PDB file of N, CA and C in Angstrom:
ATOM      1  N   MET A   1      82.213  90.143  86.035  1.00  0.00           N
ATOM      2  CA  MET A   1      82.836  91.430  85.785  1.00  0.00           C
ATOM      3  C   MET A   1      82.507  92.381  86.926  1.00  0.00           C
ATOM      4  N   ASN A   2      83.462  93.238  87.259  1.00  0.00           N
ATOM      5  CA  ASN A   2      83.300  94.167  88.372  1.00  0.00           C
ATOM      6  C   ASN A   2      82.298  95.259  88.022  1.00  0.00           C
ATOM      7  N   GLN A   3      81.389  95.556  88.920  1.00  0.00           N
ATOM      8  CA  GLN A   3      80.361  96.559  88.682  1.00  0.00           C
ATOM      9  C   GLN A   3      80.791  97.958  89.100  1.00  0.00           C
ATOM     10  N   TYR A   4      81.959  98.101  89.685  1.00  0.00           N
ATOM     11  CA  TYR A   4      82.414  99.384  90.197  1.00  0.00           C
ATOM     12  C   TYR A   4      83.351 100.067  89.217  1.00  0.00           C
ATOM     13  N   LYS A   5      83.233 101.388  89.110  1.00  0.00           N
ATOM     14  CA  LYS A   5      84.113 102.162  88.239  1.00  0.00           C
ATOM     15  C   LYS A   5      85.364 102.611  88.972  1.00  0.00           C
ATOM     16  N   LEU A   6      85.291 102.740  90.287  1.00  0.00           N
ATOM     17  CA  LEU A   6      86.420 103.179  91.102  1.00  0.00           C
ATOM     18  C   LEU A   6      86.628 102.221  92.263  1.00  0.00           C
ATOM     19  N   SER A   7      87.872 101.925  92.556  1.00  0.00           N
ATOM     20  CA  SER A   7      88.211 101.098  93.716  1.00  0.00           C
ATOM     21  C   SER A   7      89.225 101.862  94.558  1.00  0.00           C
ATOM     22  N   PHE A   8      88.944 101.969  95.837  1.00  0.00           N
ATOM     23  CA  PHE A   8      89.839 102.627  96.778  1.00  0.00           C
ATOM     24  C   PHE A   8      90.413 101.576  97.715  1.00  0.00           C
ATOM     25  N   VAL A   9      91.724 101.488  97.754  1.00  0.00           N
ATOM     26  CA  VAL A   9      92.411 100.536  98.612  1.00  0.00           C
ATOM     27  C   VAL A   9      92.913 101.294  99.827  1.00  0.00           C
ATOM     28  N   VAL A  10      92.554 100.802 101.024  1.00  0.00           N
ATOM     29  CA  VAL A  10      92.883 101.500 102.270  1.00  0.00           C
ATOM     30  C   VAL A  10      93.644 100.556 103.200  1.00  0.00           C
ATOM     31  N   PRO A  11      94.994 100.577 103.154  1.00  0.00           N
ATOM     32  CA  PRO A  11      95.748  99.833 104.160  1.00  0.00           C
ATOM     33  C   PRO A  11      95.851 100.717 105.402  1.00  0.00           C
ATOM     34  N   SER A  12      95.353 100.241 106.535  1.00  0.00           N
ATOM     35  CA  SER A  12      95.299 101.119 107.701  1.00  0.00           C
ATOM     36  C   SER A  12      95.233 100.328 108.996  1.00  0.00           C
ATOM     37  N   ILE A  13      95.738 100.951 110.049  1.00  0.00           N
ATOM     38  CA  ILE A  13      95.612 100.379 111.393  1.00  0.00           C
ATOM     39  C   ILE A  13      94.651 101.210 112.240  1.00  0.00           C
ATOM     40  N   ASN A  14      93.909 102.125 111.604  1.00  0.00           N
ATOM     41  CA  ASN A  14      92.989 103.016 112.319  1.00  0.00           C
ATOM     42  C   ASN A  14      91.562 102.850 111.819  1.00  0.00           C
ATOM     43  N   PRO A  15      90.914 101.738 112.128  1.00  0.00           N
ATOM     44  CA  PRO A  15      89.559 101.529 111.604  1.00  0.00           C
ATOM     45  C   PRO A  15      88.540 102.530 112.130  1.00  0.00           C
ATOM     46  N   GLN A  16      88.846 103.222 113.218  1.00  0.00           N
ATOM     47  CA  GLN A  16      87.912 104.215 113.724  1.00  0.00           C
ATOM     48  C   GLN A  16      87.778 105.398 112.748  1.00  0.00           C
ATOM     49  N   ASN A  17      88.730 105.558 111.826  1.00  0.00           N
ATOM     50  CA  ASN A  17      88.676 106.631 110.835  1.00  0.00           C
ATOM     51  C   ASN A  17      87.987 106.208 109.540  1.00  0.00           C
ATOM     52  N   TRP A  18      87.721 104.934 109.367  1.00  0.00           N
ATOM     53  CA  TRP A  18      87.143 104.445 108.127  1.00  0.00           C
ATOM     54  C   TRP A  18      85.736 104.962 107.853  1.00  0.00           C
ATOM     55  N   PRO A  19      84.850 105.097 108.837  1.00  0.00           N
ATOM     56  CA  PRO A  19      83.524 105.647 108.520  1.00  0.00           C
ATOM     57  C   PRO A  19      83.600 107.068 107.946  1.00  0.00           C
ATOM     58  N   SER A  20      84.462 107.888 108.504  1.00  0.00           N
ATOM     59  CA  SER A  20      84.626 109.249 107.993  1.00  0.00           C
ATOM     60  C   SER A  20      85.189 109.225 106.573  1.00  0.00           C
ATOM     61  N   LEU A  21      86.182 108.396 106.353  1.00  0.00           N
ATOM     62  CA  LEU A  21      86.765 108.272 105.019  1.00  0.00           C
ATOM     63  C   LEU A  21      85.717 107.798 104.025  1.00  0.00           C
ATOM     64  N   TYR A  22      84.928 106.801 104.412  1.00  0.00           N
ATOM     65  CA  TYR A  22      83.891 106.284 103.526  1.00  0.00           C
ATOM     66  C   TYR A  22      82.878 107.380 103.184  1.00  0.00           C
ATOM     67  N   SER A  23      82.469 108.157 104.169  1.00  0.00           N
ATOM     68  CA  SER A  23      81.512 109.248 103.928  1.00  0.00           C
ATOM     69  C   SER A  23      82.071 110.271 102.955  1.00  0.00           C
ATOM     70  N   GLN A  24      83.336 110.605 103.100  1.00  0.00           N
ATOM     71  CA  GLN A  24      83.961 111.566 102.195  1.00  0.00           C
ATOM     72  C   GLN A  24      84.066 111.006 100.783  1.00  0.00           C
ATOM     73  N   LEU A  25      84.400 109.740 100.666  1.00  0.00           N
ATOM     74  CA  LEU A  25      84.461 109.118  99.345  1.00  0.00           C
ATOM     75  C   LEU A  25      83.081 109.057  98.703  1.00  0.00           C
ATOM     76  N   ALA A  26      82.070 108.734  99.487  1.00  0.00           N
ATOM     77  CA  ALA A  26      80.702 108.662  98.956  1.00  0.00           C
ATOM     78  C   ALA A  26      80.245 110.026  98.453  1.00  0.00           C
ATOM     79  N   ALA A  27      80.595 111.079  99.170  1.00  0.00           N
ATOM     80  CA  ALA A  27      80.226 112.431  98.738  1.00  0.00           C
ATOM     81  C   ALA A  27      80.981 112.821  97.470  1.00  0.00           C
ATOM     82  N   SER A  28      82.232 112.415  97.370  1.00  0.00           N
ATOM     83  CA  SER A  28      83.044 112.763  96.206  1.00  0.00           C
ATOM     84  C   SER A  28      82.680 111.952  94.974  1.00  0.00           C
ATOM     85  N   CYS A  29      82.195 110.748  95.173  1.00  0.00           N
ATOM     86  CA  CYS A  29      81.919 109.838  94.060  1.00  0.00           C
ATOM     87  C   CYS A  29      80.431 109.616  93.866  1.00  0.00           C
ATOM     88  N   ALA A  30      79.647 110.629  94.120  1.00  0.00           N
ATOM     89  CA  ALA A  30      78.190 110.474  94.081  1.00  0.00           C
ATOM     90  C   ALA A  30      77.684 109.995  92.716  1.00  0.00           C
ATOM     91  N   GLN A  31      78.401 110.310  91.640  1.00  0.00           N
ATOM     92  CA  GLN A  31      77.932 109.940  90.306  1.00  0.00           C
ATOM     93  C   GLN A  31      78.582 108.664  89.777  1.00  0.00           C
ATOM     94  N   HIS A  32      79.437 108.047  90.575  1.00  0.00           N
ATOM     95  CA  HIS A  32      80.137 106.853  90.124  1.00  0.00           C
ATOM     96  C   HIS A  32      79.968 105.720  91.129  1.00  0.00           C
ATOM     97  N   ALA A  33      79.888 104.518  90.619  1.00  0.00           N
ATOM     98  CA  ALA A  33      79.856 103.354  91.497  1.00  0.00           C
ATOM     99  C   ALA A  33      81.280 103.102  91.991  1.00  0.00           C
ATOM    100  N   PHE A  34      81.453 102.932  93.290  1.00  0.00           N
ATOM    101  CA  PHE A  34      82.784 102.738  93.852  1.00  0.00           C
ATOM    102  C   PHE A  34      82.761 101.661  94.914  1.00  0.00           C
ATOM    103  N   GLU A  35      83.959 101.157  95.208  1.00  0.00           N
ATOM    104  CA  GLU A  35      84.126 100.197  96.286  1.00  0.00           C
ATOM    105  C   GLU A  35      85.321 100.617  97.122  1.00  0.00           C
ATOM    106  N   VAL A  36      85.298 100.214  98.380  1.00  0.00           N
ATOM    107  CA  VAL A  36      86.408 100.454  99.293  1.00  0.00           C
ATOM    108  C   VAL A  36      86.896  99.094  99.774  1.00  0.00           C
ATOM    109  N   ILE A  37      88.183  98.849  99.619  1.00  0.00           N
ATOM    110  CA  ILE A  37      88.792  97.607 100.092  1.00  0.00           C
ATOM    111  C   ILE A  37      89.760  97.998 101.201  1.00  0.00           C
ATOM    112  N   ALA A  38      89.405  97.701 102.424  1.00  0.00           N
ATOM    113  CA  ALA A  38      90.228  98.038 103.584  1.00  0.00           C
ATOM    114  C   ALA A  38      90.999  96.798 104.025  1.00  0.00           C
ATOM    115  N   VAL A  39      92.265  97.014 104.369  1.00  0.00           N
ATOM    116  CA  VAL A  39      93.121  95.911 104.809  1.00  0.00           C
ATOM    117  C   VAL A  39      93.832  96.349 106.073  1.00  0.00           C
ATOM    118  N   GLY A  40      93.769  95.518 107.095  1.00  0.00           N
ATOM    119  CA  GLY A  40      94.455  95.842 108.338  1.00  0.00           C
ATOM    120  C   GLY A  40      94.234  94.776 109.388  1.00  0.00           C
ATOM    121  N   PRO A  41      94.830  94.976 110.557  1.00  0.00           N
ATOM    122  CA  PRO A  41      94.747  93.962 111.605  1.00  0.00           C
ATOM    123  C   PRO A  41      93.484  94.042 112.467  1.00  0.00           C
ATOM    124  N   PHE A  42      92.747  95.146 112.379  1.00  0.00           N
ATOM    125  CA  PHE A  42      91.587  95.335 113.250  1.00  0.00           C
ATOM    126  C   PHE A  42      90.296  95.305 112.444  1.00  0.00           C
ATOM    127  N   LEU A  43      89.246  94.775 113.041  1.00  0.00           N
ATOM    128  CA  LEU A  43      87.953  94.688 112.371  1.00  0.00           C
ATOM    129  C   LEU A  43      87.371  96.073 112.120  1.00  0.00           C
ATOM    130  N   PRO A  44      86.646  96.240 111.019  1.00  0.00           N
ATOM    131  CA  PRO A  44      86.024  97.534 110.735  1.00  0.00           C
ATOM    132  C   PRO A  44      84.826  97.771 111.644  1.00  0.00           C
ATOM    133  N   PRO A  45      84.400  99.027 111.770  1.00  0.00           N
ATOM    134  CA  PRO A  45      83.198  99.338 112.548  1.00  0.00           C
ATOM    135  C   PRO A  45      81.976  98.637 111.941  1.00  0.00           C
ATOM    136  N   PRO A  46      81.022  98.269 112.788  1.00  0.00           N
ATOM    137  CA  PRO A  46      79.853  97.505 112.303  1.00  0.00           C
ATOM    138  C   PRO A  46      79.054  98.199 111.210  1.00  0.00           C
ATOM    139  N   GLU A  47      79.003  99.524 111.215  1.00  0.00           N
ATOM    140  CA  GLU A  47      78.198 100.224 110.202  1.00  0.00           C
ATOM    141  C   GLU A  47      78.759 100.049 108.793  1.00  0.00           C
ATOM    142  N   LEU A  48      80.030  99.720 108.685  1.00  0.00           N
ATOM    143  CA  LEU A  48      80.622  99.518 107.363  1.00  0.00           C
ATOM    144  C   LEU A  48      80.451  98.089 106.868  1.00  0.00           C
ATOM    145  N   THR A  49      80.351  97.146 107.760  1.00  0.00           N
ATOM    146  CA  THR A  49      80.279  95.736 107.353  1.00  0.00           C
ATOM    147  C   THR A  49      78.974  95.391 106.644  1.00  0.00           C
ATOM    148  N   THR A  50      77.962  96.217 106.779  1.00  0.00           N
ATOM    149  CA  THR A  50      76.684  95.950 106.121  1.00  0.00           C
ATOM    150  C   THR A  50      76.620  96.536 104.718  1.00  0.00           C
ATOM    151  N   LEU A  51      77.610  97.328 104.329  1.00  0.00           N
ATOM    152  CA  LEU A  51      77.607  97.963 103.013  1.00  0.00           C
ATOM    153  C   LEU A  51      78.123  96.981 101.957  1.00  0.00           C
ATOM    154  N   SER A  52      77.446  96.921 100.827  1.00  0.00           N
ATOM    155  CA  SER A  52      77.840  95.973  99.778  1.00  0.00           C
ATOM    156  C   SER A  52      79.116  96.401  99.052  1.00  0.00           C
ATOM    157  N   ASN A  53      79.465  97.675  99.093  1.00  0.00           N
ATOM    158  CA  ASN A  53      80.653  98.142  98.389  1.00  0.00           C
ATOM    159  C   ASN A  53      81.844  98.369  99.320  1.00  0.00           C
ATOM    160  N   PHE A  54      81.792  97.797 100.516  1.00  0.00           N
ATOM    161  CA  PHE A  54      82.910  97.846 101.450  1.00  0.00           C
ATOM    162  C   PHE A  54      83.384  96.428 101.706  1.00  0.00           C
ATOM    163  N   LYS A  55      84.659  96.207 101.461  1.00  0.00           N
ATOM    164  CA  LYS A  55      85.235  94.879 101.693  1.00  0.00           C
ATOM    165  C   LYS A  55      86.400  95.011 102.654  1.00  0.00           C
ATOM    166  N   PHE A  56      86.602  93.975 103.460  1.00  0.00           N
ATOM    167  CA  PHE A  56      87.662  94.004 104.456  1.00  0.00           C
ATOM    168  C   PHE A  56      88.474  92.718 104.377  1.00  0.00           C
ATOM    169  N   VAL A  57      89.802  92.887 104.428  1.00  0.00           N
ATOM    170  CA  VAL A  57      90.722  91.762 104.464  1.00  0.00           C
ATOM    171  C   VAL A  57      91.575  91.929 105.712  1.00  0.00           C
ATOM    172  N   LYS A  58      91.560  90.925 106.572  1.00  0.00           N
ATOM    173  CA  LYS A  58      92.351  90.991 107.797  1.00  0.00           C
ATOM    174  C   LYS A  58      93.770  90.522 107.519  1.00  0.00           C
ATOM    175  N   ASP A  59      94.728  91.383 107.875  1.00  0.00           N
ATOM    176  CA  ASP A  59      96.129  91.052 107.670  1.00  0.00           C
ATOM    177  C   ASP A  59      96.957  91.783 108.718  1.00  0.00           C
ATOM    178  N   PHE A  60      97.967  91.107 109.230  1.00  0.00           N
ATOM    179  CA  PHE A  60      98.813  91.677 110.279  1.00  0.00           C
ATOM    180  C   PHE A  60     100.159  92.167 109.752  1.00  0.00           C
ATOM    181  N   GLY A  61     100.289  92.274 108.434  1.00  0.00           N
ATOM    182  CA  GLY A  61     101.555  92.686 107.833  1.00  0.00           C
ATOM    183  C   GLY A  61     101.728  94.193 107.801  1.00  0.00           C
ATOM    184  N   CYS A  62     102.817  94.617 107.206  1.00  0.00           N
ATOM    185  CA  CYS A  62     103.112  96.043 107.080  1.00  0.00           C
ATOM    186  C   CYS A  62     102.176  96.657 106.028  1.00  0.00           C
ATOM    187  N   PRO A  63     102.013  97.991 106.046  1.00  0.00           N
ATOM    188  CA  PRO A  63     101.083  98.641 105.095  1.00  0.00           C
ATOM    189  C   PRO A  63     101.387  98.354 103.634  1.00  0.00           C
ATOM    190  N   SER A  64     102.664  98.241 103.273  1.00  0.00           N
ATOM    191  CA  SER A  64     102.965  97.965 101.863  1.00  0.00           C
ATOM    192  C   SER A  64     102.482  96.561 101.467  1.00  0.00           C
ATOM    193  N   ARG A  65     102.571  95.603 102.360  1.00  0.00           N
ATOM    194  CA  ARG A  65     102.059  94.264 102.071  1.00  0.00           C
ATOM    195  C   ARG A  65     100.535  94.281 102.017  1.00  0.00           C
ATOM    196  N   CYS A  66      99.912  95.038 102.909  1.00  0.00           N
ATOM    197  CA  CYS A  66      98.448  95.160 102.895  1.00  0.00           C
ATOM    198  C   CYS A  66      97.973  95.736 101.566  1.00  0.00           C
ATOM    199  N   LEU A  67      98.690  96.704 101.040  1.00  0.00           N
ATOM    200  CA  LEU A  67      98.341  97.292  99.758  1.00  0.00           C
ATOM    201  C   LEU A  67      98.420  96.252  98.657  1.00  0.00           C
ATOM    202  N   GLN A  68      99.444  95.414  98.675  1.00  0.00           N
ATOM    203  CA  GLN A  68      99.601  94.377  97.671  1.00  0.00           C
ATOM    204  C   GLN A  68      98.488  93.326  97.781  1.00  0.00           C
ATOM    205  N   ILE A  69      98.089  92.999  98.989  1.00  0.00           N
ATOM    206  CA  ILE A  69      97.028  92.011  99.200  1.00  0.00           C
ATOM    207  C   ILE A  69      95.704  92.525  98.640  1.00  0.00           C
ATOM    208  N   ALA A  70      95.408  93.782  98.909  1.00  0.00           N
ATOM    209  CA  ALA A  70      94.158  94.370  98.429  1.00  0.00           C
ATOM    210  C   ALA A  70      94.125  94.387  96.922  1.00  0.00           C
TER     211      ALA A  70
END
């Protein structure tokens, strides 16, 4: 069973913005367990890959397909 109360799906081609987005989500969800599922063609920044609640799926499709995959 999933341990997270909130899941954020991020289809994006701008992984350089993901650390900022993650920080904002963490500040907003301080009282809830959450996960971020990022989907896109580029690898995430290294600081995010060590987080247990950040998942990445590599896909070269359009954003709507990335959303469906996540």
